[in-house]
Amino acid sequence: MDLFIIINIIAFSLMGLDKRKAKKKQWRTPESTLFLSAAAGGAIGAWIGMYIFHHKTHKKKFVFGIPLLVVITVCLFLAV
């Protein structure tokens, strides 16, 4: 459970960090890294981060992909 929380905090933080860097026109976190953090169990944190930071909310692959990963994560979590 601790690892699950840590991964979600990391995914949430990556969304915020990438948004901040986008505003400052700095080097960005690759989208593959954002998805990987979500797929590794941080989908809930990534999803919350998307809407708190208003980041990637117009990109279809994030709007549909991250919630799909949330559903998969919740199903796997409940199955264990």
N, C-alpha and C. Protein backbone atom coordinates (compact mmCIF):
# COMPACT_ATOMS: atom_id res chain seq x y z
N MET A 1 0.82 -1.20 0.00
CA MET A 1 0.00 0.00 0.00
C MET A 1 0.87 1.26 0.00
N ASP A 2 1.97 1.23 0.75
CA ASP A 2 2.86 2.39 0.79
C ASP A 2 3.44 2.68 -0.59
N LEU A 3 3.83 1.63 -1.30
CA LEU A 3 4.39 1.80 -2.64
C LEU A 3 3.35 2.40 -3.59
N PHE A 4 2.12 1.96 -3.47
CA PHE A 4 1.02 2.48 -4.28
C PHE A 4 0.86 3.99 -4.06
N ILE A 5 0.90 4.41 -2.82
CA ILE A 5 0.77 5.83 -2.49
C ILE A 5 1.95 6.62 -3.03
N ILE A 6 3.15 6.09 -2.88
CA ILE A 6 4.36 6.76 -3.36
C ILE A 6 4.32 6.94 -4.88
N ILE A 7 3.93 5.88 -5.59
CA ILE A 7 3.86 5.96 -7.05
C ILE A 7 2.83 7.00 -7.49
N ASN A 8 1.71 7.08 -6.80
CA ASN A 8 0.70 8.08 -7.14
C ASN A 8 1.16 9.49 -6.84
N ILE A 9 1.90 9.67 -5.77
CA ILE A 9 2.47 10.99 -5.46
C ILE A 9 3.46 11.40 -6.55
N ILE A 10 4.27 10.44 -6.99
CA ILE A 10 5.24 10.73 -8.06
C ILE A 10 4.52 11.11 -9.35
N ALA A 11 3.49 10.35 -9.73
CA ALA A 11 2.75 10.64 -10.97
C ALA A 11 2.07 12.01 -10.89
N PHE A 12 1.49 12.31 -9.74
CA PHE A 12 0.86 13.61 -9.52
C PHE A 12 1.89 14.73 -9.65
N SER A 13 3.04 14.54 -9.01
CA SER A 13 4.11 15.54 -9.04
C SER A 13 4.66 15.74 -10.45
N LEU A 14 4.78 14.66 -11.21
CA LEU A 14 5.27 14.78 -12.59
C LEU A 14 4.34 15.65 -13.43
N MET A 15 3.05 15.52 -13.22
CA MET A 15 2.09 16.36 -13.96
C MET A 15 2.30 17.83 -13.60
N GLY A 16 2.44 18.11 -12.32
CA GLY A 16 2.64 19.49 -11.88
C GLY A 16 3.96 20.05 -12.37
N LEU A 17 5.01 19.25 -12.30
CA LEU A 17 6.33 19.69 -12.74
C LEU A 17 6.33 19.96 -14.25
N ASP A 18 5.71 19.08 -15.01
CA ASP A 18 5.67 19.27 -16.46
C ASP A 18 4.86 20.52 -16.82
N LYS A 19 3.78 20.76 -16.12
CA LYS A 19 2.98 21.97 -16.37
C LYS A 19 3.80 23.22 -16.08
N ARG A 20 4.52 23.22 -14.97
CA ARG A 20 5.34 24.37 -14.61
C ARG A 20 6.43 24.62 -15.66
N LYS A 21 7.06 23.53 -16.11
CA LYS A 21 8.10 23.66 -17.12
C LYS A 21 7.52 24.13 -18.45
N ALA A 22 6.31 23.72 -18.77
CA ALA A 22 5.67 24.17 -20.01
C ALA A 22 5.43 25.68 -19.97
N LYS A 23 5.00 26.17 -18.83
CA LYS A 23 4.77 27.61 -18.70
C LYS A 23 6.06 28.41 -18.83
N LYS A 24 7.16 27.84 -18.34
CA LYS A 24 8.45 28.53 -18.38
C LYS A 24 9.23 28.25 -19.66
N LYS A 25 8.62 27.49 -20.56
CA LYS A 25 9.26 27.12 -21.84
C LYS A 25 10.60 26.42 -21.61
N GLN A 26 10.63 25.52 -20.63
CA GLN A 26 11.82 24.75 -20.31
C GLN A 26 11.68 23.33 -20.85
N TRP A 27 12.75 22.54 -20.67
CA TRP A 27 12.74 21.13 -21.05
C TRP A 27 11.59 20.44 -20.34
N ARG A 28 10.86 19.60 -21.08
CA ARG A 28 9.65 18.97 -20.57
C ARG A 28 9.85 17.50 -20.26
N THR A 29 8.98 16.98 -19.43
CA THR A 29 8.93 15.55 -19.15
C THR A 29 8.29 14.87 -20.36
N PRO A 30 8.93 13.84 -20.92
CA PRO A 30 8.33 13.16 -22.08
C PRO A 30 6.96 12.57 -21.73
N GLU A 31 6.05 12.60 -22.71
CA GLU A 31 4.72 12.03 -22.49
C GLU A 31 4.81 10.55 -22.13
N SER A 32 5.78 9.86 -22.69
CA SER A 32 5.95 8.44 -22.38
C SER A 32 6.25 8.24 -20.89
N THR A 33 6.98 9.16 -20.30
CA THR A 33 7.29 9.08 -18.87
C THR A 33 6.03 9.31 -18.04
N LEU A 34 5.20 10.26 -18.47
CA LEU A 34 3.95 10.52 -17.76
C LEU A 34 3.05 9.28 -17.81
N PHE A 35 2.95 8.66 -18.99
CA PHE A 35 2.14 7.45 -19.12
C PHE A 35 2.74 6.28 -18.35
N LEU A 36 4.05 6.16 -18.38
CA LEU A 36 4.70 5.07 -17.66
C LEU A 36 4.44 5.18 -16.16
N SER A 37 4.49 6.38 -15.62
CA SER A 37 4.22 6.55 -14.19
C SER A 37 2.77 6.18 -13.88
N ALA A 38 1.86 6.47 -14.80
CA ALA A 38 0.46 6.09 -14.61
C ALA A 38 0.28 4.58 -14.72
N ALA A 39 0.92 3.98 -15.72
CA ALA A 39 0.80 2.53 -15.93
C ALA A 39 1.46 1.73 -14.82
N ALA A 40 2.44 2.33 -14.15
CA ALA A 40 3.14 1.64 -13.06
C ALA A 40 2.33 1.65 -11.76
N GLY A 41 1.12 2.17 -11.81
CA GLY A 41 0.27 2.18 -10.62
C GLY A 41 -0.10 3.58 -10.17
N GLY A 42 0.40 4.59 -10.86
CA GLY A 42 0.13 5.97 -10.46
C GLY A 42 -0.96 6.65 -11.26
N ALA A 43 -1.87 5.87 -11.82
CA ALA A 43 -2.92 6.44 -12.68
C ALA A 43 -3.83 7.40 -11.92
N ILE A 44 -4.15 7.07 -10.69
CA ILE A 44 -5.04 7.94 -9.91
C ILE A 44 -4.35 9.28 -9.65
N GLY A 45 -3.10 9.24 -9.26
CA GLY A 45 -2.35 10.48 -9.03
C GLY A 45 -2.19 11.29 -10.30
N ALA A 46 -1.93 10.61 -11.42
CA ALA A 46 -1.80 11.31 -12.70
C ALA A 46 -3.12 11.96 -13.10
N TRP A 47 -4.21 11.24 -12.91
CA TRP A 47 -5.53 11.76 -13.27
C TRP A 47 -5.89 12.99 -12.43
N ILE A 48 -5.65 12.89 -11.13
CA ILE A 48 -5.91 14.04 -10.25
C ILE A 48 -5.02 15.21 -10.66
N GLY A 49 -3.75 14.93 -10.93
CA GLY A 49 -2.81 15.97 -11.34
C GLY A 49 -3.21 16.65 -12.64
N MET A 50 -3.75 15.87 -13.58
CA MET A 50 -4.20 16.44 -14.85
C MET A 50 -5.21 17.56 -14.61
N TYR A 51 -6.13 17.34 -13.70
CA TYR A 51 -7.21 18.31 -13.51
C TYR A 51 -6.86 19.38 -12.49
N ILE A 52 -6.05 19.08 -11.51
CA ILE A 52 -5.62 20.12 -10.56
C ILE A 52 -4.73 21.13 -11.27
N PHE A 53 -3.81 20.63 -12.10
CA PHE A 53 -2.87 21.51 -12.79
C PHE A 53 -3.37 21.93 -14.18
N HIS A 54 -4.54 21.44 -14.59
CA HIS A 54 -5.08 21.72 -15.93
C HIS A 54 -4.04 21.40 -16.99
N HIS A 55 -3.52 20.19 -16.92
CA HIS A 55 -2.43 19.78 -17.80
C HIS A 55 -2.81 18.54 -18.60
N LYS A 56 -2.62 18.59 -19.89
CA LYS A 56 -2.91 17.49 -20.82
C LYS A 56 -4.41 17.19 -20.89
N THR A 57 -5.24 18.13 -20.51
CA THR A 57 -6.69 17.89 -20.49
C THR A 57 -7.34 18.05 -21.86
N HIS A 58 -6.58 18.44 -22.86
CA HIS A 58 -7.12 18.55 -24.22
C HIS A 58 -6.49 17.52 -25.16
N LYS A 59 -5.61 16.71 -24.64
CA LYS A 59 -4.97 15.67 -25.46
C LYS A 59 -5.78 14.38 -25.29
N LYS A 60 -6.32 13.90 -26.41
CA LYS A 60 -7.21 12.74 -26.36
C LYS A 60 -6.56 11.52 -25.73
N LYS A 61 -5.28 11.30 -26.03
CA LYS A 61 -4.65 10.10 -25.47
C LYS A 61 -4.55 10.17 -23.95
N PHE A 62 -4.52 11.37 -23.39
CA PHE A 62 -4.52 11.50 -21.93
C PHE A 62 -5.94 11.49 -21.38
N VAL A 63 -6.85 12.19 -22.06
CA VAL A 63 -8.24 12.27 -21.60
C VAL A 63 -8.89 10.89 -21.55
N PHE A 64 -8.54 10.00 -22.49
CA PHE A 64 -9.11 8.66 -22.49
C PHE A 64 -8.17 7.62 -21.89
N GLY A 65 -6.87 7.79 -22.11
CA GLY A 65 -5.89 6.80 -21.66
C GLY A 65 -5.71 6.74 -20.16
N ILE A 66 -5.60 7.89 -19.52
CA ILE A 66 -5.38 7.91 -18.07
C ILE A 66 -6.59 7.36 -17.31
N PRO A 67 -7.83 7.77 -17.63
CA PRO A 67 -8.98 7.15 -16.95
C PRO A 67 -9.06 5.64 -17.18
N LEU A 68 -8.69 5.18 -18.37
CA LEU A 68 -8.67 3.74 -18.63
C LEU A 68 -7.67 3.06 -17.69
N LEU A 69 -6.52 3.67 -17.52
CA LEU A 69 -5.53 3.12 -16.59
C LEU A 69 -6.03 3.16 -15.14
N VAL A 70 -6.83 4.17 -14.80
CA VAL A 70 -7.43 4.23 -13.46
C VAL A 70 -8.35 3.03 -13.26
N VAL A 71 -9.19 2.75 -14.24
CA VAL A 71 -10.11 1.61 -14.14
C VAL A 71 -9.33 0.31 -14.00
N ILE A 72 -8.30 0.14 -14.81
CA ILE A 72 -7.48 -1.07 -14.74
C ILE A 72 -6.81 -1.18 -13.37
N THR A 73 -6.27 -0.07 -12.89
CA THR A 73 -5.60 -0.06 -11.58
C THR A 73 -6.57 -0.43 -10.47
N VAL A 74 -7.76 0.16 -10.48
CA VAL A 74 -8.76 -0.13 -9.45
C VAL A 74 -9.17 -1.60 -9.51
N CYS A 75 -9.40 -2.13 -10.71
CA CYS A 75 -9.76 -3.55 -10.86
C CYS A 75 -8.67 -4.46 -10.33
N LEU A 76 -7.42 -4.16 -10.66
CA LEU A 76 -6.31 -4.96 -10.16
C LEU A 76 -6.18 -4.85 -8.65
N PHE A 77 -6.38 -3.65 -8.13
CA PHE A 77 -6.28 -3.42 -6.69
C PHE A 77 -7.36 -4.20 -5.95
N LEU A 78 -8.58 -4.21 -6.50
CA LEU A 78 -9.69 -4.94 -5.86
C LEU A 78 -9.53 -6.45 -5.99
N ALA A 79 -8.85 -6.90 -7.03
CA ALA A 79 -8.67 -8.33 -7.26
C ALA A 79 -7.64 -8.94 -6.30
N VAL A 80 -6.80 -8.10 -5.75
CA VAL A 80 -5.72 -8.61 -4.87
C VAL A 80 -6.21 -8.82 -3.48
